[in-house]
């Protein structure tokens, strides 16, 4: 914890012994080995990926036209590519790992594995039809023309449901296809649904849910696999802290059991005796969504001097 004038500003929970790179000397064995990671050049996926990498303590020098960047404090090199090039780049061994939308990974069908689901850039791939269409179910698509940028995923779905359609492949602006008479329906990414509404379309079938994933070659060398394990370790430590708060409070000793029942924390609350006899300080972690409900119950149970602090990282 970082203390200023006696009070913590932020809480970082660390247990360095669990990390394979706990000391800087551990990097000396990897001077010749660097993990190459492919990242989308621009867009929301790039922003979310770079934010997670930075919060994981990895510094990448980024310029406006940077295509390759080497971290100066971690054995990793980043390649900035188009998102639809990333699965093949990893499969071919040009990059060892990559951050890409699951939808792109499935569409490309390359020989890669998911090393970690990242939980951001969530969307779904759905079938949509004109708003005024009387849609009664999947048989509607028999004999219909469907515009999409994801023909492989769509074809697999249609085959699984014994539907025969004419798939019209479009590289962009799929949503305008029904309006200009190019298709009867579309199969495309849906996030908020506002694009569909603005083009007078309605979502009728969700085919897959997608999110950003960290993909990897299935046959990494032991050295690179260890670096990847460390990267995942750091990412999980950052993500585990999201939506969590560190809470400190004072309570009469006779109320410890009651207060503890409200603060399960990671295992159980930490209890520290105070200088004032008969009182203790309790420390724990709570979910931000439960914050106000728990605070109210704590006050009723006799808790005082409650401090709630943001958590940067949680390491188990």
Protein backbone atom coordinates (compact mmCIF):
# COMPACT_ATOMS: atom_id res chain seq x y z
CA UNK A 1 0.00 0.00 0.00
CA UNK A 2 1.05 3.58 -0.64
CA UNK A 3 0.50 5.83 2.37
CA UNK A 4 0.19 9.61 2.32
CA UNK A 5 -0.23 11.44 5.60
CA UNK A 6 -1.16 8.22 7.31
CA UNK A 7 -3.95 7.17 4.94
CA UNK A 8 -3.62 4.80 1.96
CA UNK A 9 -4.45 6.27 -1.46
CA UNK A 10 -4.48 2.96 -3.31
CA UNK A 11 -4.17 -0.64 -2.26
CA UNK A 12 -2.10 -3.10 -4.26
CA UNK A 13 -2.22 -6.69 -3.03
CA UNK A 14 0.97 -8.51 -4.07
CA UNK A 15 2.51 -11.91 -3.45
CA UNK A 16 5.63 -11.76 -5.58
CA UNK A 17 6.82 -15.23 -4.69
CA UNK A 18 4.19 -16.74 -7.02
CA UNK A 19 5.55 -14.98 -10.11
CA UNK A 20 8.18 -16.73 -12.27
CA UNK A 21 9.78 -13.31 -12.90
CA UNK A 22 9.79 -12.16 -9.28
CA UNK A 23 13.29 -10.71 -9.48
CA UNK A 24 14.88 -8.81 -12.34
CA UNK A 25 17.66 -11.40 -12.44
CA UNK A 26 15.17 -13.90 -13.86
CA UNK A 27 15.17 -12.00 -17.16
CA UNK A 28 18.84 -12.72 -17.76
CA UNK A 29 18.00 -16.21 -19.04
CA UNK A 30 15.81 -14.69 -21.73
CA UNK A 31 18.05 -12.09 -23.33
CA UNK A 32 17.89 -13.96 -26.64
CA UNK A 33 14.24 -14.96 -26.27
CA UNK A 34 11.41 -12.49 -26.75
CA UNK A 35 7.73 -13.23 -26.96
CA UNK A 36 6.32 -11.67 -30.13
CA UNK A 37 2.74 -10.48 -29.72
CA UNK A 38 0.47 -9.31 -32.56
CA UNK A 39 -1.90 -6.45 -31.70
CA UNK A 40 -4.51 -4.71 -33.81
CA UNK A 41 -3.14 -1.50 -35.33
CA UNK A 42 -5.97 0.80 -34.26
CA UNK A 43 -9.50 0.88 -32.92
CA UNK A 44 -11.15 -0.05 -29.64
CA UNK A 45 -9.49 -3.47 -29.50
CA UNK A 46 -6.08 -1.80 -29.80
CA UNK A 47 -6.92 0.67 -27.03
CA UNK A 48 -8.17 -2.00 -24.64
CA UNK A 49 -5.22 -4.29 -25.41
CA UNK A 50 -2.63 -1.56 -24.84
CA UNK A 51 -4.33 -0.47 -21.62
CA UNK A 52 -4.18 -4.01 -20.22
CA UNK A 53 -0.55 -4.43 -21.25
CA UNK A 54 0.41 -1.12 -19.64
CA UNK A 55 -1.43 -1.95 -16.42
CA UNK A 56 0.46 -5.26 -16.44
CA UNK A 57 3.66 -3.25 -15.99
CA UNK A 58 4.94 -3.61 -19.55
CA UNK A 59 6.22 -0.48 -21.30
CA UNK A 60 5.88 -0.41 -25.08
CA UNK A 61 7.11 2.66 -26.97
CA UNK A 62 4.31 3.62 -29.33
CA UNK A 63 4.50 6.12 -32.19
CA UNK A 64 1.83 7.20 -34.66
CA UNK A 65 3.24 4.97 -37.38
CA UNK A 66 4.90 2.34 -35.23
CA UNK A 67 4.59 -1.17 -36.68
CA UNK A 68 7.02 -2.88 -34.31
CA UNK A 69 7.69 -1.99 -30.68
CA UNK A 70 9.99 -3.64 -28.15
CA UNK A 71 9.29 -3.51 -24.43
CA UNK A 72 12.23 -2.18 -22.41
CA UNK A 73 11.25 -3.90 -19.13
CA UNK A 74 9.85 -7.25 -20.30
CA UNK A 75 11.00 -9.82 -22.90
CA UNK A 76 8.29 -8.97 -25.41
CA UNK A 77 8.04 -7.41 -28.86
CA UNK A 78 4.77 -6.13 -30.33
CA UNK A 79 3.76 -6.28 -33.99
CA UNK A 80 0.88 -4.00 -35.02
CA UNK A 81 -1.31 -5.56 -37.73
CA UNK A 82 -4.80 -5.62 -39.21
CA UNK A 83 -7.07 -7.70 -36.99
CA UNK A 84 -7.91 -10.20 -39.73
CA UNK A 85 -4.18 -10.84 -40.31
CA UNK A 86 -3.44 -11.75 -36.70
CA UNK A 87 -4.65 -15.41 -36.64
CA UNK A 88 -2.52 -16.34 -39.66
CA UNK A 89 0.46 -14.37 -38.36
CA UNK A 90 0.36 -16.42 -35.15
CA UNK A 91 -0.29 -19.72 -36.94
CA UNK A 92 2.65 -19.13 -39.29
CA UNK A 93 4.98 -18.34 -36.38
CA UNK A 94 5.65 -14.73 -37.38
CA UNK A 95 4.19 -13.86 -33.96
CA UNK A 96 4.03 -16.20 -30.98
CA UNK A 97 0.77 -14.86 -29.58
CA UNK A 98 -1.85 -12.29 -30.54
CA UNK A 99 -4.83 -10.40 -29.20
CA UNK A 100 -7.78 -10.67 -31.57
CA UNK A 101 -11.55 -10.87 -31.59
CA UNK A 102 -12.80 -14.42 -31.16
CA UNK A 103 -14.98 -13.87 -34.24
CA UNK A 104 -11.88 -13.28 -36.39
CA UNK A 105 -10.15 -16.33 -34.93
CA UNK A 106 -13.13 -18.56 -35.71
CA UNK A 107 -13.59 -17.15 -39.21
CA UNK A 108 -9.96 -17.67 -40.19
CA UNK A 109 -9.85 -21.20 -38.80
CA UNK A 110 -6.07 -21.17 -38.32
CA UNK A 111 -4.14 -23.61 -36.12
CA UNK A 112 -4.05 -21.51 -32.94
CA UNK A 113 -5.24 -22.03 -29.38
CA UNK A 114 -6.90 -19.67 -26.92
CA UNK A 115 -4.38 -18.96 -24.16
CA UNK A 116 -6.72 -16.62 -22.27
CA UNK A 117 -10.11 -15.00 -22.69
CA UNK A 118 -9.69 -11.30 -22.00
CA UNK A 119 -13.25 -10.23 -21.28
CA UNK A 120 -13.31 -6.97 -23.27
CA UNK A 121 -14.42 -5.96 -26.78
CA UNK A 122 -17.50 -8.13 -26.35
CA UNK A 123 -19.98 -8.45 -29.19
CA UNK A 124 -22.10 -11.05 -30.93
CA UNK A 125 -22.46 -12.29 -34.48
CA UNK A 126 -26.11 -12.24 -35.42
CA UNK A 127 -28.54 -12.60 -38.29
CA UNK A 128 -30.67 -9.53 -38.96
CA UNK A 129 -33.52 -8.81 -41.35
CA UNK A 130 -35.42 -5.67 -42.41
CA UNK A 131 -37.48 -4.26 -39.56
CA UNK A 132 -40.88 -4.88 -41.19
CA UNK A 133 -40.11 -8.53 -42.04
CA UNK A 134 -42.49 -11.11 -40.56
CA UNK A 135 -39.83 -13.40 -39.16
CA UNK A 136 -41.11 -16.77 -37.94
CA UNK A 137 -37.88 -18.69 -37.39
CA UNK A 138 -34.77 -20.11 -39.09
CA UNK A 139 -36.63 -21.64 -42.07
CA UNK A 140 -37.12 -18.03 -43.22
CA UNK A 141 -33.53 -18.07 -44.48
CA UNK A 142 -34.04 -20.98 -46.88
CA UNK A 143 -33.41 -19.67 -50.39
CA UNK A 144 -32.60 -16.18 -49.10
CA UNK A 145 -29.48 -14.15 -49.92
CA UNK A 146 -27.45 -13.20 -46.82
CA UNK A 147 -24.70 -10.55 -46.89
CA UNK A 148 -21.78 -11.04 -44.51
CA UNK A 149 -18.07 -10.62 -43.86
CA UNK A 150 -18.02 -13.93 -41.99
CA UNK A 151 -18.99 -16.60 -44.55
CA UNK A 152 -17.30 -19.56 -42.81
CA UNK A 153 -19.03 -19.01 -39.46
CA UNK A 154 -22.34 -18.40 -41.21
CA UNK A 155 -22.06 -21.47 -43.45
CA UNK A 156 -21.29 -23.69 -40.45
CA UNK A 157 -24.36 -22.37 -38.63
CA UNK A 158 -26.60 -22.85 -41.66
CA UNK A 159 -25.32 -26.39 -42.22
CA UNK A 160 -25.93 -27.29 -38.57
CA UNK A 161 -29.53 -26.12 -38.94
CA UNK A 162 -30.16 -27.63 -42.42
CA UNK A 163 -30.68 -24.21 -43.99
CA UNK A 164 -29.73 -23.52 -47.61
CA UNK A 165 -28.98 -19.87 -48.34
CA UNK A 166 -27.00 -17.84 -50.86
CA UNK A 167 -24.12 -16.23 -48.98
CA UNK A 168 -22.98 -12.92 -50.49
CA UNK A 169 -19.54 -11.91 -49.14
CA UNK A 170 -19.02 -8.19 -48.45
CA UNK A 171 -15.88 -6.73 -46.89
CA UNK A 172 -17.58 -3.77 -45.21
CA UNK A 173 -20.84 -1.83 -44.70
CA UNK A 174 -22.78 -5.08 -44.57
CA UNK A 175 -25.76 -3.41 -42.93
CA UNK A 176 -26.71 -1.46 -46.06
CA UNK A 177 -27.11 -4.58 -48.21
CA UNK A 178 -30.87 -5.15 -47.64
CA UNK A 179 -31.64 -1.46 -48.15
CA UNK A 180 -30.08 -1.38 -51.62
CA UNK A 181 -31.55 -4.72 -52.68
CA UNK A 182 -28.28 -6.64 -52.48
CA UNK A 183 -29.49 -9.15 -49.88
CA UNK A 184 -32.54 -10.26 -47.93
CA UNK A 185 -30.68 -10.38 -44.61
CA UNK A 186 -27.28 -9.81 -43.07
CA UNK A 187 -24.96 -11.69 -40.74
CA UNK A 188 -22.70 -9.27 -38.91
CA UNK A 189 -21.22 -8.05 -35.62
CA UNK A 190 -23.70 -6.50 -33.20
CA UNK A 191 -22.64 -4.55 -30.11
CA UNK A 192 -25.25 -2.03 -28.99
CA UNK A 193 -27.59 -2.64 -31.92
CA UNK A 194 -27.71 1.05 -32.87
CA UNK A 195 -26.27 0.39 -36.35
CA UNK A 196 -29.06 -2.07 -37.05
CA UNK A 197 -31.70 0.40 -35.90
CA UNK A 198 -30.26 3.21 -38.05
CA UNK A 199 -30.48 0.91 -41.09
CA UNK A 200 -34.01 -0.25 -40.27
CA UNK A 201 -32.93 -3.78 -39.39
CA UNK A 202 -33.76 -6.06 -36.48
CA UNK A 203 -31.66 -8.78 -34.88
CA UNK A 204 -33.42 -12.16 -35.08
CA UNK A 205 -30.80 -14.85 -34.34
CA UNK A 206 -27.62 -14.71 -32.24
CA UNK A 207 -25.14 -17.21 -33.69
CA UNK A 208 -22.08 -16.70 -31.45
CA UNK A 209 -20.90 -14.46 -28.63
CA UNK A 210 -17.41 -13.05 -29.09
CA UNK A 211 -14.78 -11.26 -27.00
CA UNK A 212 -11.10 -10.43 -27.23
CA UNK A 213 -8.90 -13.49 -26.79
CA UNK A 214 -5.18 -14.02 -26.38
CA UNK A 215 -4.28 -16.67 -28.95
CA UNK A 216 -1.07 -18.65 -29.14
CA UNK A 217 0.80 -21.10 -31.30
CA UNK A 218 0.12 -24.57 -29.92
CA UNK A 219 3.84 -25.48 -29.84
CA UNK A 220 5.66 -22.62 -28.11
CA UNK A 221 9.17 -23.31 -26.87
CA UNK A 222 9.48 -23.82 -23.08
CA UNK A 223 11.24 -20.45 -22.79
CA UNK A 224 8.50 -18.55 -24.62
CA UNK A 225 5.77 -20.48 -22.83
CA UNK A 226 7.23 -19.31 -19.51
CA UNK A 227 7.17 -15.70 -20.71
CA UNK A 228 3.57 -16.16 -21.86
CA UNK A 229 2.65 -17.64 -18.46
CA UNK A 230 4.11 -14.55 -16.80
CA UNK A 231 2.15 -12.27 -19.15
CA UNK A 232 -1.09 -14.11 -18.34
CA UNK A 233 -0.24 -14.00 -14.63
CA UNK A 234 0.09 -10.22 -14.77
CA UNK A 235 -3.06 -9.75 -16.85
CA UNK A 236 -5.09 -11.86 -14.45
CA UNK A 237 -3.75 -9.88 -11.49
CA UNK A 238 -4.97 -6.65 -13.12
CA UNK A 239 -8.34 -8.01 -14.20
CA UNK A 240 -9.02 -9.66 -10.85
CA UNK A 241 -8.91 -6.22 -9.21
CA UNK A 242 -11.50 -4.72 -11.56
CA UNK A 243 -14.72 -3.92 -9.76
CA UNK A 244 -13.16 -4.60 -6.35
CA UNK A 245 -12.54 -2.29 -3.38
CA UNK A 246 -10.28 -2.64 -0.36
CA UNK A 247 -12.16 -1.84 2.83
CA UNK A 248 -10.79 -0.98 6.29
CA UNK A 249 -12.97 -0.41 9.34
CA UNK A 250 -12.93 -0.36 13.13
CA UNK A 251 -15.27 -2.51 15.18
CA UNK A 252 -15.84 -3.48 18.81
CA UNK A 253 -14.37 -6.93 19.48
CA UNK A 254 -17.76 -8.35 20.41
CA UNK A 255 -18.99 -7.45 16.91
CA UNK A 256 -16.12 -9.08 14.99
CA UNK A 257 -18.03 -12.26 14.14
CA UNK A 258 -21.07 -10.32 12.92
CA UNK A 259 -19.00 -7.92 10.83
CA UNK A 260 -16.88 -10.78 9.46
CA UNK A 261 -20.02 -12.48 8.15
CA UNK A 262 -20.59 -9.39 5.99
CA UNK A 263 -16.99 -9.30 4.72
CA UNK A 264 -16.04 -12.70 3.29
CA UNK A 265 -13.17 -11.18 1.28
CA UNK A 266 -10.78 -13.45 -0.56
CA UNK A 267 -10.71 -16.00 2.27
CA UNK A 268 -11.66 -14.19 5.47
CA UNK A 269 -11.19 -10.65 6.79
CA UNK A 270 -7.91 -9.64 8.41
CA UNK A 271 -8.34 -8.64 12.06
CA UNK A 272 -5.76 -6.39 13.76
CA UNK A 273 -6.07 -5.25 17.42
CA UNK A 274 -6.19 -1.48 17.94
CA UNK A 275 -4.38 0.48 20.64
CA UNK A 276 -7.77 1.19 22.21
CA UNK A 277 -8.70 -1.87 24.27
CA UNK A 278 -11.77 -3.74 23.10
CA UNK A 279 -11.51 -2.60 19.47
CA UNK A 280 -10.02 -4.10 16.31
CA UNK A 281 -9.40 -3.02 12.74
CA UNK A 282 -10.76 -5.28 10.00
CA UNK A 283 -9.49 -5.36 6.39
CA UNK A 284 -11.16 -7.06 3.45
CA UNK A 285 -12.16 -6.84 -0.22
CA UNK A 286 -15.66 -6.19 -1.53
CA UNK A 287 -17.23 -6.06 -4.97
CA UNK A 288 -18.03 -2.53 -6.08
CA UNK A 289 -21.55 -3.59 -7.13
CA UNK A 290 -22.26 -4.61 -3.52
CA UNK A 291 -20.60 -1.55 -2.00
CA UNK A 292 -23.53 0.52 -0.74
CA UNK A 293 -25.58 -2.44 0.45
CA UNK A 294 -22.63 -3.79 2.47
CA UNK A 295 -21.70 -0.37 3.90
CA UNK A 296 -25.21 0.03 5.26
CA UNK A 297 -25.11 -3.38 6.92
CA UNK A 298 -21.67 -2.70 8.40
CA UNK A 299 -22.84 0.52 10.01
CA UNK A 300 -25.84 -1.25 11.53
CA UNK A 301 -23.46 -3.90 12.89
CA UNK A 302 -21.45 -1.22 14.72
CA UNK A 303 -18.56 -0.63 12.31
CA UNK A 304 -16.91 2.81 12.45
CA UNK A 305 -14.18 4.71 10.61
CA UNK A 306 -14.86 2.89 7.33
CA UNK A 307 -12.31 3.53 4.56
CA UNK A 308 -12.82 2.25 1.00
CA UNK A 309 -9.79 2.24 -1.32
CA UNK A 310 -9.31 1.36 -5.00
CA UNK A 311 -7.28 -1.79 -5.73
CA UNK A 312 -4.75 -1.81 -8.56
CA UNK A 313 -3.89 -5.52 -8.60
CA UNK A 314 -4.84 -8.69 -6.76
CA UNK A 315 -2.38 -11.59 -6.71
CA UNK A 316 -3.29 -14.91 -5.17
